[in-house]
Amino acid sequence: MDCIFCKIVKGEIPSKKIYEDEKVLAFYDVSPQAPVHFLVIPKEHFRNFRDISSDKLEIISHIFKVIQIIAEQLKLDDGLRIVNNYGKDGGQTVDHLHFHVLAGRSLNWPPG
C-alpha cells in the first residue's frame, strides 16, 4: 500500500505529532490553512467514511473525543472547524479517512 498517512502511522514519514493512542494519530498539517491546522486519522486504513463497516463505526466517535481533548489542550475556546472531505469533488486528496481541524482565526463560510 502506498498510502502517505499509513506511512506516517508506521513512522516511515515524519510528522509533528500532537496526540497518539492505539486507534488514532493527530499531527499538524504540512500546509496549514489557519494558525492551528491539524489532522486526526485512524491508524487503521479506511479510504473514506463509506469504507467503514458497521462494526468499526466507533472510530468516528473516538476521533471526535480526541478532537475534544486536543481542543482543550490547545485552548481553542473561540471555536474551530472540523472538515472531512470525501471523493474527488469533495476535495479528498489522500485516500485515507482523515479530519482536518482548523482554528486560531475567524473562519468564513463558504470556504471557497
N, C-alpha and C. Protein backbone atom coordinates (compact mmCIF):
# COMPACT_ATOMS: atom_id res chain seq x y z
N MET A 1 0.85 -1.18 0.00
CA MET A 1 0.00 0.00 0.00
C MET A 1 0.89 1.24 0.00
N ASP A 2 0.52 2.19 -0.82
CA ASP A 2 1.32 3.39 -0.97
C ASP A 2 0.61 4.61 -0.38
N CYS A 3 0.01 4.43 0.79
CA CYS A 3 -0.75 5.50 1.43
C CYS A 3 0.17 6.34 2.31
N ILE A 4 0.23 7.63 2.03
CA ILE A 4 1.10 8.52 2.78
C ILE A 4 0.75 8.54 4.28
N PHE A 5 -0.55 8.50 4.61
CA PHE A 5 -0.93 8.52 6.02
C PHE A 5 -0.58 7.22 6.71
N CYS A 6 -0.68 6.09 6.02
CA CYS A 6 -0.25 4.82 6.61
C CYS A 6 1.26 4.85 6.88
N LYS A 7 2.02 5.49 6.00
CA LYS A 7 3.46 5.62 6.20
C LYS A 7 3.75 6.52 7.40
N ILE A 8 2.95 7.55 7.60
CA ILE A 8 3.10 8.42 8.78
C ILE A 8 2.80 7.62 10.04
N VAL A 9 1.73 6.83 10.03
CA VAL A 9 1.38 5.99 11.18
C VAL A 9 2.52 5.04 11.52
N LYS A 10 3.14 4.44 10.50
CA LYS A 10 4.23 3.48 10.70
C LYS A 10 5.55 4.16 11.08
N GLY A 11 5.61 5.49 11.00
CA GLY A 11 6.84 6.21 11.31
C GLY A 11 7.80 6.28 10.15
N GLU A 12 7.38 5.88 8.97
CA GLU A 12 8.24 5.91 7.79
C GLU A 12 8.38 7.34 7.24
N ILE A 13 7.40 8.17 7.53
CA ILE A 13 7.44 9.59 7.16
C ILE A 13 7.25 10.37 8.45
N PRO A 14 8.12 11.34 8.73
CA PRO A 14 7.99 12.09 9.99
C PRO A 14 6.78 13.01 9.97
N SER A 15 6.27 13.27 11.16
CA SER A 15 5.17 14.22 11.33
C SER A 15 5.34 14.92 12.68
N LYS A 16 4.71 16.05 12.80
CA LYS A 16 4.72 16.78 14.07
C LYS A 16 3.47 16.36 14.84
N LYS A 17 3.64 15.31 15.65
CA LYS A 17 2.53 14.70 16.36
C LYS A 17 2.01 15.59 17.48
N ILE A 18 0.68 15.56 17.64
CA ILE A 18 0.02 16.24 18.75
C ILE A 18 -0.50 15.21 19.74
N TYR A 19 -1.00 14.09 19.20
CA TYR A 19 -1.66 13.09 20.03
C TYR A 19 -1.54 11.74 19.33
N GLU A 20 -1.40 10.69 20.14
CA GLU A 20 -1.39 9.35 19.59
C GLU A 20 -1.89 8.39 20.65
N ASP A 21 -2.71 7.45 20.23
CA ASP A 21 -3.10 6.33 21.07
C ASP A 21 -3.16 5.09 20.18
N GLU A 22 -3.75 4.02 20.66
CA GLU A 22 -3.76 2.77 19.89
C GLU A 22 -4.65 2.84 18.65
N LYS A 23 -5.57 3.81 18.60
CA LYS A 23 -6.52 3.89 17.49
C LYS A 23 -6.28 5.01 16.50
N VAL A 24 -5.73 6.14 16.97
CA VAL A 24 -5.62 7.31 16.12
C VAL A 24 -4.28 8.01 16.28
N LEU A 25 -4.01 8.86 15.31
CA LEU A 25 -2.84 9.73 15.34
C LEU A 25 -3.31 11.12 14.92
N ALA A 26 -2.84 12.14 15.64
CA ALA A 26 -3.13 13.53 15.28
C ALA A 26 -1.80 14.24 15.07
N PHE A 27 -1.72 15.01 14.00
CA PHE A 27 -0.48 15.71 13.67
C PHE A 27 -0.80 16.99 12.90
N TYR A 28 0.13 17.94 12.95
CA TYR A 28 -0.05 19.21 12.27
C TYR A 28 0.04 19.04 10.76
N ASP A 29 -0.81 19.77 10.05
CA ASP A 29 -0.82 19.75 8.59
C ASP A 29 0.45 20.41 8.07
N VAL A 30 1.04 19.85 7.03
CA VAL A 30 2.27 20.41 6.46
C VAL A 30 2.01 21.67 5.63
N SER A 31 0.74 21.89 5.28
CA SER A 31 0.37 23.08 4.52
C SER A 31 -0.83 23.74 5.22
N PRO A 32 -0.58 24.36 6.37
CA PRO A 32 -1.68 24.87 7.19
C PRO A 32 -2.49 25.97 6.50
N GLN A 33 -3.81 25.89 6.70
CA GLN A 33 -4.73 26.87 6.15
C GLN A 33 -5.27 27.81 7.23
N ALA A 34 -4.77 27.66 8.45
CA ALA A 34 -5.14 28.51 9.58
C ALA A 34 -3.98 28.45 10.57
N PRO A 35 -3.93 29.38 11.53
CA PRO A 35 -2.85 29.34 12.52
C PRO A 35 -2.73 28.00 13.24
N VAL A 36 -3.86 27.35 13.49
CA VAL A 36 -3.87 25.98 14.02
C VAL A 36 -4.54 25.12 12.96
N HIS A 37 -3.83 24.11 12.48
CA HIS A 37 -4.39 23.21 11.47
C HIS A 37 -3.74 21.84 11.67
N PHE A 38 -4.53 20.92 12.17
CA PHE A 38 -4.02 19.56 12.36
C PHE A 38 -5.01 18.55 11.80
N LEU A 39 -4.51 17.34 11.62
CA LEU A 39 -5.31 16.23 11.12
C LEU A 39 -5.44 15.18 12.20
N VAL A 40 -6.57 14.50 12.21
CA VAL A 40 -6.76 13.33 13.06
C VAL A 40 -7.13 12.19 12.13
N ILE A 41 -6.36 11.10 12.21
CA ILE A 41 -6.58 9.96 11.32
C ILE A 41 -6.67 8.67 12.14
N PRO A 42 -7.47 7.73 11.67
CA PRO A 42 -7.42 6.41 12.30
C PRO A 42 -6.14 5.71 11.87
N LYS A 43 -5.59 4.91 12.75
CA LYS A 43 -4.39 4.14 12.37
C LYS A 43 -4.74 3.04 11.38
N GLU A 44 -5.93 2.50 11.52
CA GLU A 44 -6.39 1.50 10.56
C GLU A 44 -6.77 2.22 9.27
N HIS A 45 -6.42 1.64 8.15
CA HIS A 45 -6.69 2.28 6.86
C HIS A 45 -8.16 2.11 6.46
N PHE A 46 -8.83 3.24 6.33
CA PHE A 46 -10.15 3.33 5.70
C PHE A 46 -10.00 4.39 4.62
N ARG A 47 -10.44 4.11 3.41
CA ARG A 47 -10.30 5.09 2.34
C ARG A 47 -11.10 6.35 2.63
N ASN A 48 -12.29 6.17 3.21
CA ASN A 48 -13.18 7.29 3.49
C ASN A 48 -14.26 6.79 4.44
N PHE A 49 -15.21 7.65 4.79
CA PHE A 49 -16.24 7.26 5.75
C PHE A 49 -17.11 6.12 5.22
N ARG A 50 -17.26 6.00 3.92
CA ARG A 50 -18.08 4.94 3.34
C ARG A 50 -17.38 3.59 3.40
N ASP A 51 -16.12 3.59 3.71
CA ASP A 51 -15.32 2.36 3.76
C ASP A 51 -15.36 1.71 5.16
N ILE A 52 -16.04 2.33 6.10
CA ILE A 52 -16.07 1.84 7.47
C ILE A 52 -17.25 0.87 7.64
N SER A 53 -16.97 -0.35 8.03
CA SER A 53 -18.04 -1.31 8.28
C SER A 53 -18.76 -0.95 9.57
N SER A 54 -19.98 -1.42 9.71
CA SER A 54 -20.80 -1.04 10.87
C SER A 54 -20.16 -1.46 12.19
N ASP A 55 -19.37 -2.51 12.19
CA ASP A 55 -18.72 -2.95 13.44
C ASP A 55 -17.49 -2.11 13.79
N LYS A 56 -17.12 -1.17 12.93
CA LYS A 56 -15.95 -0.32 13.16
C LYS A 56 -16.32 1.16 13.32
N LEU A 57 -17.61 1.47 13.32
CA LEU A 57 -18.04 2.87 13.36
C LEU A 57 -17.62 3.63 14.61
N GLU A 58 -17.27 2.92 15.68
CA GLU A 58 -16.86 3.60 16.91
C GLU A 58 -15.61 4.45 16.70
N ILE A 59 -14.88 4.21 15.62
CA ILE A 59 -13.68 5.01 15.36
C ILE A 59 -14.05 6.48 15.17
N ILE A 60 -15.24 6.74 14.61
CA ILE A 60 -15.65 8.13 14.39
C ILE A 60 -15.87 8.84 15.73
N SER A 61 -16.55 8.21 16.66
CA SER A 61 -16.74 8.85 17.97
C SER A 61 -15.42 9.00 18.69
N HIS A 62 -14.52 8.06 18.52
CA HIS A 62 -13.20 8.18 19.15
C HIS A 62 -12.43 9.37 18.58
N ILE A 63 -12.50 9.54 17.28
CA ILE A 63 -11.83 10.69 16.64
C ILE A 63 -12.37 11.99 17.22
N PHE A 64 -13.68 12.09 17.36
CA PHE A 64 -14.26 13.33 17.90
C PHE A 64 -13.89 13.53 19.37
N LYS A 65 -13.76 12.45 20.12
CA LYS A 65 -13.30 12.57 21.51
C LYS A 65 -11.86 13.10 21.54
N VAL A 66 -11.02 12.61 20.66
CA VAL A 66 -9.64 13.08 20.57
C VAL A 66 -9.60 14.56 20.18
N ILE A 67 -10.46 14.97 19.26
CA ILE A 67 -10.52 16.39 18.89
C ILE A 67 -10.90 17.22 20.11
N GLN A 68 -11.83 16.76 20.93
CA GLN A 68 -12.18 17.46 22.17
C GLN A 68 -10.96 17.60 23.08
N ILE A 69 -10.22 16.53 23.25
CA ILE A 69 -9.03 16.54 24.11
C ILE A 69 -8.00 17.55 23.61
N ILE A 70 -7.72 17.49 22.32
CA ILE A 70 -6.72 18.40 21.74
C ILE A 70 -7.19 19.85 21.82
N ALA A 71 -8.47 20.09 21.52
CA ALA A 71 -9.01 21.45 21.58
C ALA A 71 -8.87 22.02 22.98
N GLU A 72 -9.08 21.19 23.98
CA GLU A 72 -8.91 21.65 25.36
C GLU A 72 -7.44 21.94 25.66
N GLN A 73 -6.55 21.04 25.23
CA GLN A 73 -5.11 21.22 25.47
C GLN A 73 -4.59 22.49 24.80
N LEU A 74 -5.08 22.76 23.58
CA LEU A 74 -4.62 23.93 22.82
C LEU A 74 -5.42 25.18 23.13
N LYS A 75 -6.40 25.06 24.02
CA LYS A 75 -7.25 26.18 24.44
C LYS A 75 -7.93 26.86 23.25
N LEU A 76 -8.57 26.04 22.44
CA LEU A 76 -9.27 26.55 21.26
C LEU A 76 -10.70 26.93 21.62
N ASP A 77 -10.80 27.80 22.62
CA ASP A 77 -12.09 28.18 23.20
C ASP A 77 -12.92 29.10 22.31
N ASP A 78 -12.28 29.77 21.34
CA ASP A 78 -13.01 30.70 20.48
C ASP A 78 -13.67 30.00 19.29
N GLY A 79 -13.43 28.72 19.14
CA GLY A 79 -14.06 27.95 18.07
C GLY A 79 -13.06 27.27 17.16
N LEU A 80 -13.58 26.36 16.37
CA LEU A 80 -12.76 25.61 15.42
C LEU A 80 -13.66 25.06 14.33
N ARG A 81 -13.05 24.58 13.29
CA ARG A 81 -13.79 23.94 12.19
C ARG A 81 -13.23 22.53 12.02
N ILE A 82 -14.15 21.57 11.89
CA ILE A 82 -13.77 20.18 11.63
C ILE A 82 -14.25 19.85 10.22
N VAL A 83 -13.35 19.37 9.37
CA VAL A 83 -13.66 19.11 7.97
C VAL A 83 -13.26 17.69 7.61
N ASN A 84 -14.17 17.01 6.92
CA ASN A 84 -13.87 15.70 6.33
C ASN A 84 -14.25 15.77 4.87
N ASN A 85 -13.27 15.65 4.00
CA ASN A 85 -13.53 15.68 2.56
C ASN A 85 -13.72 14.25 2.05
N TYR A 86 -14.70 14.09 1.16
CA TYR A 86 -14.97 12.77 0.59
C TYR A 86 -15.00 12.87 -0.93
N GLY A 87 -14.20 12.05 -1.56
CA GLY A 87 -14.18 11.95 -3.02
C GLY A 87 -13.53 13.13 -3.71
N LYS A 88 -13.31 12.96 -4.99
CA LYS A 88 -12.63 13.98 -5.80
C LYS A 88 -13.38 15.31 -5.75
N ASP A 89 -14.68 15.29 -5.98
CA ASP A 89 -15.45 16.54 -5.98
C ASP A 89 -15.55 17.15 -4.59
N GLY A 90 -15.39 16.34 -3.56
CA GLY A 90 -15.41 16.84 -2.19
C GLY A 90 -14.07 17.36 -1.72
N GLY A 91 -13.05 17.22 -2.56
CA GLY A 91 -11.73 17.74 -2.23
C GLY A 91 -10.81 16.76 -1.52
N GLN A 92 -11.16 15.47 -1.49
CA GLN A 92 -10.29 14.49 -0.83
C GLN A 92 -9.07 14.24 -1.70
N THR A 93 -7.88 14.50 -1.15
CA THR A 93 -6.65 14.31 -1.92
C THR A 93 -5.83 13.12 -1.43
N VAL A 94 -6.12 12.62 -0.22
CA VAL A 94 -5.45 11.43 0.30
C VAL A 94 -6.55 10.42 0.62
N ASP A 95 -6.44 9.23 0.02
CA ASP A 95 -7.46 8.20 0.21
C ASP A 95 -7.22 7.43 1.51
N HIS A 96 -7.30 8.16 2.61
CA HIS A 96 -7.25 7.61 3.97
C HIS A 96 -8.13 8.54 4.79
N LEU A 97 -9.13 7.99 5.44
CA LEU A 97 -10.05 8.80 6.22
C LEU A 97 -9.28 9.75 7.13
N HIS A 98 -9.64 11.02 7.09
CA HIS A 98 -8.97 11.99 7.96
C HIS A 98 -9.87 13.20 8.17
N PHE A 99 -9.67 13.83 9.31
CA PHE A 99 -10.42 15.01 9.68
C PHE A 99 -9.44 16.16 9.88
N HIS A 100 -9.69 17.27 9.20
CA HIS A 100 -8.92 18.49 9.38
C HIS A 100 -9.56 19.26 10.53
N VAL A 101 -8.74 19.83 11.39
CA VAL A 101 -9.23 20.73 12.43
C VAL A 101 -8.49 22.04 12.25
N LEU A 102 -9.27 23.12 12.03
CA LEU A 102 -8.71 24.44 11.79
C LEU A 102 -9.20 25.40 12.85
N ALA A 103 -8.31 26.26 13.33
CA ALA A 103 -8.67 27.21 14.38
C ALA A 103 -7.62 28.32 14.41
N GLY A 104 -7.86 29.28 15.30
CA GLY A 104 -6.88 30.35 15.51
C GLY A 104 -7.17 31.62 14.74
N ARG A 105 -8.26 31.63 13.98
CA ARG A 105 -8.70 32.83 13.26
C ARG A 105 -10.17 32.66 12.95
N SER A 106 -10.81 33.75 12.54
CA SER A 106 -12.20 33.66 12.10
C SER A 106 -12.26 32.92 10.77
N LEU A 107 -13.08 31.91 10.71
CA LEU A 107 -13.19 31.08 9.50
C LEU A 107 -14.50 31.40 8.79
N ASN A 108 -14.39 32.00 7.62
CA ASN A 108 -15.57 32.41 6.85
C ASN A 108 -16.23 31.21 6.20
N TRP A 109 -17.51 31.40 5.82
CA TRP A 109 -18.24 30.35 5.12
C TRP A 109 -19.00 30.98 3.98
N PRO A 110 -19.04 30.44 2.80
CA PRO A 110 -18.36 29.20 2.43
C PRO A 110 -16.86 29.42 2.29
N PRO A 111 -16.09 28.32 2.42
CA PRO A 111 -14.63 28.46 2.41
C PRO A 111 -14.04 28.80 1.05
N GLY A 112 -14.77 28.60 -0.04
CA GLY A 112 -14.25 28.99 -1.33
C GLY A 112 -14.08 27.87 -2.29
